[in-house]
PDB file of N, CA and C in Angstrom:
ATOM      1  N   MET A   1      72.810  99.282  47.485  1.00  0.00           N
ATOM      2  CA  MET A   1      71.801 100.441  47.016  1.00  0.00           C
ATOM      3  C   MET A   1      70.151  99.612  47.229  1.00  0.00           C
ATOM      4  N   LEU A   2      69.683 100.528  47.451  1.00  0.00           N
ATOM      5  CA  LEU A   2      68.021 100.221  48.093  1.00  0.00           C
ATOM      6  C   LEU A   2      67.325  99.695  46.693  1.00  0.00           C
ATOM      7  N   PRO A   3      66.231  98.877  46.622  1.00  0.00           N
ATOM      8  CA  PRO A   3      65.408  98.680  45.283  1.00  0.00           C
ATOM      9  C   PRO A   3      64.754  99.755  44.965  1.00  0.00           C
ATOM     10  N   GLN A   4      64.257  99.583  43.910  1.00  0.00           N
ATOM     11  CA  GLN A   4      63.287 101.090  43.207  1.00  0.00           C
ATOM     12  C   GLN A   4      61.983 101.353  44.173  1.00  0.00           C
ATOM     13  N   SER A   5      61.583 100.208  44.791  1.00  0.00           N
ATOM     14  CA  SER A   5      60.485 100.272  45.505  1.00  0.00           C
ATOM     15  C   SER A   5      60.507 100.812  46.848  1.00  0.00           C
ATOM     16  N   ALA A   6      61.743 100.745  47.372  1.00  0.00           N
ATOM     17  CA  ALA A   6      62.118 101.309  48.819  1.00  0.00           C
ATOM     18  C   ALA A   6      62.575 102.717  48.504  1.00  0.00           C
ATOM     19  N   GLN A   7      63.163 103.187  47.190  1.00  0.00           N
ATOM     20  CA  GLN A   7      63.567 104.935  47.298  1.00  0.00           C
ATOM     21  C   GLN A   7      62.844 105.735  47.679  1.00  0.00           C
ATOM     22  N   TYR A   8      63.088 106.806  48.204  1.00  0.00           N
ATOM     23  CA  TYR A   8      62.375 107.955  48.751  1.00  0.00           C
ATOM     24  C   TYR A   8      62.170 109.041  47.813  1.00  0.00           C
ATOM     25  N   THR A   9      61.091 109.730  47.554  1.00  0.00           N
ATOM     26  CA  THR A   9      60.986 110.698  46.842  1.00  0.00           C
ATOM     27  C   THR A   9      62.089 111.863  47.418  1.00  0.00           C
ATOM     28  N   LYS A  10      62.306 112.851  46.237  1.00  0.00           N
ATOM     29  CA  LYS A  10      62.926 113.724  46.730  1.00  0.00           C
ATOM     30  C   LYS A  10      62.641 114.720  47.975  1.00  0.00           C
ATOM     31  N   LYS A  11      61.183 115.102  47.846  1.00  0.00           N
ATOM     32  CA  LYS A  11      60.238 115.468  48.879  1.00  0.00           C
ATOM     33  C   LYS A  11      60.853 115.226  50.104  1.00  0.00           C
ATOM     34  N   PHE A  12      59.975 113.782  50.333  1.00  0.00           N
ATOM     35  CA  PHE A  12      60.565 112.893  51.691  1.00  0.00           C
ATOM     36  C   PHE A  12      61.618 112.823  51.862  1.00  0.00           C
ATOM     37  N   LEU A  13      62.339 112.472  51.171  1.00  0.00           N
ATOM     38  CA  LEU A  13      64.061 112.795  51.777  1.00  0.00           C
ATOM     39  C   LEU A  13      64.709 114.070  51.894  1.00  0.00           C
ATOM     40  N   ALA A  14      63.996 115.259  51.429  1.00  0.00           N
ATOM     41  CA  ALA A  14      64.423 116.542  51.815  1.00  0.00           C
ATOM     42  C   ALA A  14      64.177 116.451  53.102  1.00  0.00           C
ATOM     43  N   GLU A  15      62.894 116.126  53.546  1.00  0.00           N
ATOM     44  CA  GLU A  15      62.188 116.808  54.768  1.00  0.00           C
ATOM     45  C   GLU A  15      62.795 115.825  55.604  1.00  0.00           C
ATOM     46  N   HIS A  16      62.803 114.377  55.544  1.00  0.00           N
ATOM     47  CA  HIS A  16      63.208 113.382  56.669  1.00  0.00           C
ATOM     48  C   HIS A  16      64.784 112.857  56.484  1.00  0.00           C
ATOM     49  N   GLU A  17      65.795 113.819  55.733  1.00  0.00           N
ATOM     50  CA  GLU A  17      67.078 113.432  55.787  1.00  0.00           C
ATOM     51  C   GLU A  17      67.665 112.975  57.320  1.00  0.00           C
ATOM     52  N   ALA A  18      67.564 113.838  57.999  1.00  0.00           N
ATOM     53  CA  ALA A  18      68.156 113.664  59.216  1.00  0.00           C
ATOM     54  C   ALA A  18      67.923 112.713  59.906  1.00  0.00           C
ATOM     55  N   ASP A  19      66.492 112.548  59.761  1.00  0.00           N
ATOM     56  CA  ASP A  19      65.953 111.036  60.883  1.00  0.00           C
ATOM     57  C   ASP A  19      66.540 110.178  59.852  1.00  0.00           C
ATOM     58  N   ILE A  20      66.156 109.895  58.817  1.00  0.00           N
ATOM     59  CA  ILE A  20      67.214 108.741  57.795  1.00  0.00           C
ATOM     60  C   ILE A  20      68.253 107.992  58.103  1.00  0.00           C
ATOM     61  N   LEU A  21      69.354 109.454  58.047  1.00  0.00           N
ATOM     62  CA  LEU A  21      70.606 108.751  58.625  1.00  0.00           C
ATOM     63  C   LEU A  21      70.732 108.612  59.827  1.00  0.00           C
ATOM     64  N   LEU A  22      69.968 109.083  60.799  1.00  0.00           N
ATOM     65  CA  LEU A  22      70.077 108.889  62.201  1.00  0.00           C
ATOM     66  C   LEU A  22      69.727 107.356  62.358  1.00  0.00           C
ATOM     67  N   HIS A  23      68.667 106.917  61.623  1.00  0.00           N
ATOM     68  CA  HIS A  23      67.924 105.417  61.882  1.00  0.00           C
ATOM     69  C   HIS A  23      69.143 104.531  61.069  1.00  0.00           C
ATOM     70  N   LYS A  24      69.796 105.025  60.165  1.00  0.00           N
ATOM     71  CA  LYS A  24      70.806 104.077  59.408  1.00  0.00           C
ATOM     72  C   LYS A  24      72.218 104.081  60.353  1.00  0.00           C
ATOM     73  N   ALA A  25      72.653 104.916  60.937  1.00  0.00           N
ATOM     74  CA  ALA A  25      73.699 105.127  61.834  1.00  0.00           C
ATOM     75  C   ALA A  25      73.425 104.216  62.974  1.00  0.00           C
ATOM     76  N   ALA A  26      72.087 104.129  63.712  1.00  0.00           N
ATOM     77  CA  ALA A  26      72.011 103.443  64.805  1.00  0.00           C
ATOM     78  C   ALA A  26      72.088 101.787  64.278  1.00  0.00           C
ATOM     79  N   LYS A  27      71.000 101.580  63.091  1.00  0.00           N
ATOM     80  CA  LYS A  27      71.226 100.298  62.724  1.00  0.00           C
ATOM     81  C   LYS A  27      72.543  99.826  62.169  1.00  0.00           C
ATOM     82  N   GLN A  28      73.459 100.553  61.777  1.00  0.00           N
ATOM     83  CA  GLN A  28      74.796  99.796  61.697  1.00  0.00           C
ATOM     84  C   GLN A  28      75.572  99.817  63.041  1.00  0.00           C
ATOM     85  N   ALA A  29      75.321 100.656  64.232  1.00  0.00           N
ATOM     86  CA  ALA A  29      76.093 100.366  65.361  1.00  0.00           C
ATOM     87  C   ALA A  29      75.196  99.242  65.827  1.00  0.00           C
ATOM     88  N   PHE A  30      74.196  99.016  65.651  1.00  0.00           N
ATOM     89  CA  PHE A  30      73.426  97.596  66.425  1.00  0.00           C
ATOM     90  C   PHE A  30      74.284  96.482  65.707  1.00  0.00           C
ATOM     91  N   ASP A  31      74.143  96.618  64.205  1.00  0.00           N
ATOM     92  CA  ASP A  31      74.584  95.344  63.349  1.00  0.00           C
ATOM     93  C   ASP A  31      76.040  95.253  64.022  1.00  0.00           C
ATOM     94  N   ASP A  32      76.979  96.313  64.027  1.00  0.00           N
ATOM     95  CA  ASP A  32      78.578  95.971  64.639  1.00  0.00           C
ATOM     96  C   ASP A  32      78.437  95.371  65.734  1.00  0.00           C
ATOM     97  N   LEU A  33      77.689  95.472  66.436  1.00  0.00           N
ATOM     98  CA  LEU A  33      77.478  95.020  68.108  1.00  0.00           C
ATOM     99  C   LEU A  33      77.040  93.917  67.906  1.00  0.00           C
ATOM    100  N   GLY A  34      76.213  93.191  66.770  1.00  0.00           N
ATOM    101  CA  GLY A  34      75.781  92.049  66.974  1.00  0.00           C
ATOM    102  C   GLY A  34      74.655  91.998  67.680  1.00  0.00           C
ATOM    103  N   ILE A  35      73.700  93.005  67.893  1.00  0.00           N
ATOM    104  CA  ILE A  35      72.738  93.032  68.621  1.00  0.00           C
ATOM    105  C   ILE A  35      71.572  92.707  67.650  1.00  0.00           C
ATOM    106  N   LYS A  36      70.877  91.630  67.816  1.00  0.00           N
ATOM    107  CA  LYS A  36      69.479  91.281  67.012  1.00  0.00           C
ATOM    108  C   LYS A  36      68.152  91.657  67.653  1.00  0.00           C
ATOM    109  N   LYS A  37      68.087  91.775  69.005  1.00  0.00           N
ATOM    110  CA  LYS A  37      66.834  92.141  69.538  1.00  0.00           C
ATOM    111  C   LYS A  37      67.296  92.921  70.636  1.00  0.00           C
ATOM    112  N   LEU A  38      66.211  94.116  70.796  1.00  0.00           N
ATOM    113  CA  LEU A  38      66.556  95.220  71.919  1.00  0.00           C
ATOM    114  C   LEU A  38      66.514  94.824  73.225  1.00  0.00           C
ATOM    115  N   PRO A  39      66.953  94.977  73.853  1.00  0.00           N
ATOM    116  CA  PRO A  39      66.620  94.352  76.073  1.00  0.00           C
ATOM    117  C   PRO A  39      64.886  95.408  76.442  1.00  0.00           C
ATOM    118  N   THR A  40      64.391  94.585  76.850  1.00  0.00           N
ATOM    119  CA  THR A  40      63.208  94.859  77.355  1.00  0.00           C
ATOM    120  C   THR A  40      63.412  96.159  78.171  1.00  0.00           C
ATOM    121  N   VAL A  41      62.216  97.106  78.498  1.00  0.00           N
ATOM    122  CA  VAL A  41      62.359  98.373  79.188  1.00  0.00           C
ATOM    123  C   VAL A  41      62.341  97.640  80.712  1.00  0.00           C
ATOM    124  N   LYS A  42      62.242  96.493  81.059  1.00  0.00           N
ATOM    125  CA  LYS A  42      61.961  96.087  82.712  1.00  0.00           C
ATOM    126  C   LYS A  42      63.372  95.836  82.827  1.00  0.00           C
ATOM    127  N   SER A  43      64.044  95.161  81.889  1.00  0.00           N
ATOM    128  CA  SER A  43      65.364  94.856  82.261  1.00  0.00           C
ATOM    129  C   SER A  43      66.335  95.856  81.932  1.00  0.00           C
ATOM    130  N   LEU A  44      66.287  97.240  81.418  1.00  0.00           N
ATOM    131  CA  LEU A  44      66.920  98.002  81.297  1.00  0.00           C
ATOM    132  C   LEU A  44      66.532  98.591  82.775  1.00  0.00           C
ATOM    133  N   GLN A  45      66.029  98.854  83.219  1.00  0.00           N
ATOM    134  CA  GLN A  45      65.361  99.507  84.320  1.00  0.00           C
ATOM    135  C   GLN A  45      66.101  98.626  85.762  1.00  0.00           C
ATOM    136  N   ALA A  46      65.994  97.322  85.674  1.00  0.00           N
ATOM    137  CA  ALA A  46      66.497  96.423  86.571  1.00  0.00           C
ATOM    138  C   ALA A  46      67.730  96.696  86.471  1.00  0.00           C
ATOM    139  N   GLU A  47      68.636  96.881  85.520  1.00  0.00           N
ATOM    140  CA  GLU A  47      69.780  96.960  85.214  1.00  0.00           C
ATOM    141  C   GLU A  47      70.351  98.603  85.935  1.00  0.00           C
ATOM    142  N   TYR A  48      69.620  99.595  85.589  1.00  0.00           N
ATOM    143  CA  TYR A  48      69.898 100.873  85.891  1.00  0.00           C
ATOM    144  C   TYR A  48      69.620 101.099  87.634  1.00  0.00           C
ATOM    145  N   ALA A  49      68.544 100.441  88.041  1.00  0.00           N
ATOM    146  CA  ALA A  49      68.699 100.497  89.466  1.00  0.00           C
ATOM    147  C   ALA A  49      69.704  99.485  90.074  1.00  0.00           C
ATOM    148  N   THR A  50      70.421  98.488  89.598  1.00  0.00           N
ATOM    149  CA  THR A  50      71.680  97.994  90.102  1.00  0.00           C
ATOM    150  C   THR A  50      73.106  99.229  89.890  1.00  0.00           C
ATOM    151  N   LEU A  51      73.031  99.499  88.535  1.00  0.00           N
ATOM    152  CA  LEU A  51      73.865 100.420  88.510  1.00  0.00           C
ATOM    153  C   LEU A  51      74.008 101.847  89.620  1.00  0.00           C
ATOM    154  N   LEU A  52      72.578 102.052  89.563  1.00  0.00           N
ATOM    155  CA  LEU A  52      72.538 103.285  90.633  1.00  0.00           C
ATOM    156  C   LEU A  52      72.892 103.277  92.010  1.00  0.00           C
ATOM    157  N   GLU A  53      72.400 101.962  92.743  1.00  0.00           N
ATOM    158  CA  GLU A  53      72.703 101.723  93.762  1.00  0.00           C
ATOM    159  C   GLU A  53      74.386 101.416  93.944  1.00  0.00           C
ATOM    160  N   GLY A  54      75.231 100.805  93.094  1.00  0.00           N
ATOM    161  CA  GLY A  54      76.567 100.618  93.097  1.00  0.00           C
ATOM    162  C   GLY A  54      77.063 102.187  93.299  1.00  0.00           C
ATOM    163  N   LYS A  55      76.599 102.880  92.491  1.00  0.00           N
ATOM    164  CA  LYS A  55      76.989 104.243  92.261  1.00  0.00           C
ATOM    165  C   LYS A  55      76.846 105.409  93.846  1.00  0.00           C
ATOM    166  N   LYS A  56      75.861 105.010  94.357  1.00  0.00           N
ATOM    167  CA  LYS A  56      75.623 105.584  95.272  1.00  0.00           C
ATOM    168  C   LYS A  56      76.515 105.176  96.345  1.00  0.00           C
ATOM    169  N   LYS A  57      76.742 103.712  96.595  1.00  0.00           N
ATOM    170  CA  LYS A  57      77.520 103.129  97.571  1.00  0.00           C
ATOM    171  C   LYS A  57      79.279 103.771  97.182  1.00  0.00           C
ATOM    172  N   ASP A  58      79.620 103.490  95.953  1.00  0.00           N
ATOM    173  CA  ASP A  58      80.690 104.162  95.569  1.00  0.00           C
ATOM    174  C   ASP A  58      80.963 105.599  95.998  1.00  0.00           C
ATOM    175  N   TYR A  59      80.223 106.354  95.784  1.00  0.00           N
ATOM    176  CA  TYR A  59      80.171 107.954  95.970  1.00  0.00           C
ATOM    177  C   TYR A  59      80.171 107.928  97.467  1.00  0.00           C
ATOM    178  N   ALA A  60      79.550 107.218  97.862  1.00  0.00           N
ATOM    179  CA  ALA A  60      79.711 107.155  99.592  1.00  0.00           C
ATOM    180  C   ALA A  60      81.051 107.115 100.157  1.00  0.00           C
ATOM    181  N   GLU A  61      81.721 105.872  99.335  1.00  0.00           N
ATOM    182  CA  GLU A  61      83.218 105.391  99.646  1.00  0.00           C
ATOM    183  C   GLU A  61      84.107 107.064  99.055  1.00  0.00           C
ATOM    184  N   TYR A  62      83.660 107.287  98.085  1.00  0.00           N
ATOM    185  CA  TYR A  62      84.647 108.700  97.287  1.00  0.00           C
ATOM    186  C   TYR A  62      84.508 109.974  98.479  1.00  0.00           C
ATOM    187  N   ARG A  63      83.480 109.810  99.111  1.00  0.00           N
ATOM    188  CA  ARG A  63      83.234 111.378  99.689  1.00  0.00           C
ATOM    189  C   ARG A  63      84.411 111.482 100.776  1.00  0.00           C
ATOM    190  N   ARG A  64      84.121 109.795 101.510  1.00  0.00           N
ATOM    191  CA  ARG A  64      84.878 109.600 102.987  1.00  0.00           C
ATOM    192  C   ARG A  64      86.229 109.562 102.354  1.00  0.00           C
ATOM    193  N   SER A  65      86.788 109.067 101.364  1.00  0.00           N
ATOM    194  CA  SER A  65      88.155 109.168 100.823  1.00  0.00           C
ATOM    195  C   SER A  65      88.571 110.465 100.640  1.00  0.00           C
ATOM    196  N   ARG A  66      87.440 111.592  99.977  1.00  0.00           N
ATOM    197  CA  ARG A  66      88.127 112.923  99.749  1.00  0.00           C
ATOM    198  C   ARG A  66      88.289 113.814 101.141  1.00  0.00           C
ATOM    199  N   GLU A  67      87.170 113.332 102.151  1.00  0.00           N
ATOM    200  CA  GLU A  67      87.084 114.063 103.383  1.00  0.00           C
ATOM    201  C   GLU A  67      88.721 113.570 104.283  1.00  0.00           C
ATOM    202  N   GLU A  68      89.195 112.347 103.887  1.00  0.00           N
ATOM    203  CA  GLU A  68      90.359 111.850 105.013  1.00  0.00           C
ATOM    204  C   GLU A  68      91.695 112.634 103.686  1.00  0.00           C
ATOM    205  N   MET A  69      91.539 112.922 102.875  1.00  0.00           N
ATOM    206  CA  MET A  69      92.288 113.129 101.638  1.00  0.00           C
ATOM    207  C   MET A  69      92.622 115.049 102.144  1.00  0.00           C
ATOM    208  N   ARG A  70      91.725 115.365 102.089  1.00  0.00           N
ATOM    209  CA  ARG A  70      91.827 116.887 102.857  1.00  0.00           C
ATOM    210  C   ARG A  70      92.261 117.036 104.159  1.00  0.00           C
ATOM    211  N   GLU A  71      91.717 116.382 104.991  1.00  0.00           N
ATOM    212  CA  GLU A  71      92.551 116.218 106.497  1.00  0.00           C
ATOM    213  C   GLU A  71      93.936 115.981 106.501  1.00  0.00           C
ATOM    214  N   LEU A  72      94.124 115.084 105.710  1.00  0.00           N
ATOM    215  CA  LEU A  72      95.911 114.566 105.431  1.00  0.00           C
ATOM    216  C   LEU A  72      96.463 116.084 105.017  1.00  0.00           C
ATOM    217  N   LEU A  73      96.041 116.627 103.913  1.00  0.00           N
ATOM    218  CA  LEU A  73      96.828 117.836 103.369  1.00  0.00           C
ATOM    219  C   LEU A  73      96.555 119.058 104.131  1.00  0.00           C
ATOM    220  N   ALA A  74      95.703 119.087 104.980  1.00  0.00           N
ATOM    221  CA  ALA A  74      95.685 119.540 105.986  1.00  0.00           C
ATOM    222  C   ALA A  74      96.739 119.632 107.013  1.00  0.00           C
ATOM    223  N   ALA A  75      96.979 118.625 107.582  1.00  0.00           N
ATOM    224  CA  ALA A  75      98.109 118.427 108.468  1.00  0.00           C
ATOM    225  C   ALA A  75      99.193 118.567 107.587  1.00  0.00           C
ATOM    226  N   LYS A  76      99.604 117.900 106.642  1.00  0.00           N
ATOM    227  CA  LYS A  76     100.818 118.071 105.941  1.00  0.00           C
ATOM    228  C   LYS A  76     101.228 119.621 105.690  1.00  0.00           C
ATOM    229  N   ALA A  77     100.281 120.365 105.334  1.00  0.00           N
ATOM    230  CA  ALA A  77     100.465 121.780 105.322  1.00  0.00           C
ATOM    231  C   ALA A  77     101.208 122.599 106.629  1.00  0.00           C
ATOM    232  N   ASN A  78     100.098 122.115 107.650  1.00  0.00           N
ATOM    233  CA  ASN A  78     100.693 122.442 108.979  1.00  0.00           C
ATOM    234  C   ASN A  78     102.286 122.044 109.344  1.00  0.00           C
ATOM    235  N   VAL A  79     102.095 120.709 109.169  1.00  0.00           N
ATOM    236  CA  VAL A  79     103.715 120.370 109.287  1.00  0.00           C
ATOM    237  C   VAL A  79     104.735 120.976 108.624  1.00  0.00           C
ATOM    238  N   ASP A  80     104.513 121.290 107.319  1.00  0.00           N
ATOM    239  CA  ASP A  80     105.644 121.887 106.301  1.00  0.00           C
ATOM    240  C   ASP A  80     105.625 123.453 107.028  1.00  0.00           C
ATOM    241  N   ARG A  81     104.539 123.747 107.613  1.00  0.00           N
ATOM    242  CA  ARG A  81     104.862 125.657 107.958  1.00  0.00           C
ATOM    243  C   ARG A  81     105.551 125.295 108.835  1.00  0.00           C
ATOM    244  N   LEU A  82     105.176 124.497 110.219  1.00  0.00           N
ATOM    245  CA  LEU A  82     106.415 123.992 111.583  1.00  0.00           C
ATOM    246  C   LEU A  82     107.460 123.993 110.861  1.00  0.00           C
ATOM    247  N   MET A  83     107.967 123.147 110.118  1.00  0.00           N
ATOM    248  CA  MET A  83     109.211 122.992 109.536  1.00  0.00           C
ATOM    249  C   MET A  83     109.779 123.996 108.907  1.00  0.00           C
ATOM    250  N   GLY A  84     109.108 124.726 108.465  1.00  0.00           N
ATOM    251  CA  GLY A  84     109.599 125.843 107.692  1.00  0.00           C
ATOM    252  C   GLY A  84     110.005 125.593 106.097  1.00  0.00           C
ATOM    253  N   TYR A  85     108.900 124.158 105.479  1.00  0.00           N
ATOM    254  CA  TYR A  85     109.603 123.766 104.466  1.00  0.00           C
ATOM    255  C   TYR A  85     108.660 125.100 103.295  1.00  0.00           C
ATOM    256  N   GLY A  86     107.692 125.426 103.623  1.00  0.00           N
ATOM    257  CA  GLY A  86     107.037 126.346 103.011  1.00  0.00           C
ATOM    258  C   GLY A  86     107.862 127.362 102.579  1.00  0.00           C
ATOM    259  N   GLU A  87     108.589 128.104 103.398  1.00  0.00           N
ATOM    260  CA  GLU A  87     109.797 129.064 103.055  1.00  0.00           C
ATOM    261  C   GLU A  87     110.685 128.946 102.076  1.00  0.00           C
ATOM    262  N   GLU A  88     111.146 127.729 102.473  1.00  0.00           N
ATOM    263  CA  GLU A  88     112.218 126.978 101.536  1.00  0.00           C
ATOM    264  C   GLU A  88     112.248 126.940 100.351  1.00  0.00           C
ATOM    265  N   ARG A  89     110.735 126.874 100.069  1.00  0.00           N
ATOM    266  CA  ARG A  89     110.278 126.464  98.689  1.00  0.00           C
ATOM    267  C   ARG A  89     110.107 128.011  97.949  1.00  0.00           C
ATOM    268  N   GLN A  90     109.411 128.501  98.973  1.00  0.00           N
ATOM    269  CA  GLN A  90     109.309 130.048  98.562  1.00  0.00           C
ATOM    270  C   GLN A  90     110.639 130.593  97.702  1.00  0.00           C
ATOM    271  N   ASN A  91     111.788 130.374  98.894  1.00  0.00           N
ATOM    272  CA  ASN A  91     113.183 130.783  98.490  1.00  0.00           C
ATOM    273  C   ASN A  91     113.546 130.224  97.387  1.00  0.00           C
ATOM    274  N   ASP A  92     113.181 129.134  96.954  1.00  0.00           N
ATOM    275  CA  ASP A  92     113.695 128.168  95.570  1.00  0.00           C
ATOM    276  C   ASP A  92     112.999 128.640  94.405  1.00  0.00           C
ATOM    277  N   ARG A  93     111.805 128.916  94.596  1.00  0.00           N
ATOM    278  CA  ARG A  93     110.784 129.626  93.670  1.00  0.00           C
ATOM    279  C   ARG A  93     111.645 131.167  93.168  1.00  0.00           C
ATOM    280  N   GLU A  94     111.588 131.823  94.050  1.00  0.00           N
ATOM    281  CA  GLU A  94     112.562 133.266  93.891  1.00  0.00           C
ATOM    282  C   GLU A  94     113.669 132.936  92.992  1.00  0.00           C
ATOM    283  N   LYS A  95     114.644 132.066  93.577  1.00  0.00           N
ATOM    284  CA  LYS A  95     115.871 132.140  92.876  1.00  0.00           C
ATOM    285  C   LYS A  95     115.551 131.334  91.368  1.00  0.00           C
ATOM    286  N   GLU A  96     114.783 130.691  91.347  1.00  0.00           N
ATOM    287  CA  GLU A  96     114.435 130.107  89.651  1.00  0.00           C
ATOM    288  C   GLU A  96     113.823 131.286  88.720  1.00  0.00           C
ATOM    289  N   GLN A  97     112.971 132.016  89.155  1.00  0.00           N
ATOM    290  CA  GLN A  97     112.570 133.242  88.688  1.00  0.00           C
ATOM    291  C   GLN A  97     113.516 133.922  88.503  1.00  0.00           C
ATOM    292  N   GLY A  98     114.254 134.194  89.383  1.00  0.00           N
ATOM    293  CA  GLY A  98     115.565 135.322  89.115  1.00  0.00           C
ATOM    294  C   GLY A  98     116.662 134.771  88.188  1.00  0.00           C
ATOM    295  N   GLN A  99     116.639 133.389  87.853  1.00  0.00           N
ATOM    296  CA  GLN A  99     117.492 132.983  87.273  1.00  0.00           C
ATOM    297  C   GLN A  99     117.136 132.962  85.852  1.00  0.00           C
ATOM    298  N   ASP A 100     115.696 132.770  85.765  1.00  0.00           N
ATOM    299  CA  ASP A 100     114.961 132.704  84.468  1.00  0.00           C
ATOM    300  C   ASP A 100     114.915 134.391  83.269  1.00  0.00           C
ATOM    301  N   ARG A 101     115.062 135.175  84.257  1.00  0.00           N
ATOM    302  CA  ARG A 101     115.041 136.728  83.875  1.00  0.00           C
ATOM    303  C   ARG A 101     116.453 137.276  83.105  1.00  0.00           C
TER     304      ARG A 101
END
């Protein structure tokens, strides 16, 4: 418990209770992580720039992979249609639905 000199008045506590709880939760989180000193804004900006650069590179690779996947799915659908797999699957689904009823 807080010493008497650090106690809040009822009026102050009522007005600022949410801020006080948020501050206490943040302090507890930092204490749990063992953080004694917050990082500087400059170091956070440098880390953010590095992460953003990596994200852009990874996202470009993701777009290429997604486009390749779409092309492969289109080719698979074409092959399935040519080979008649789609009709067999449709017939199987109709049979399953007929048995369920």
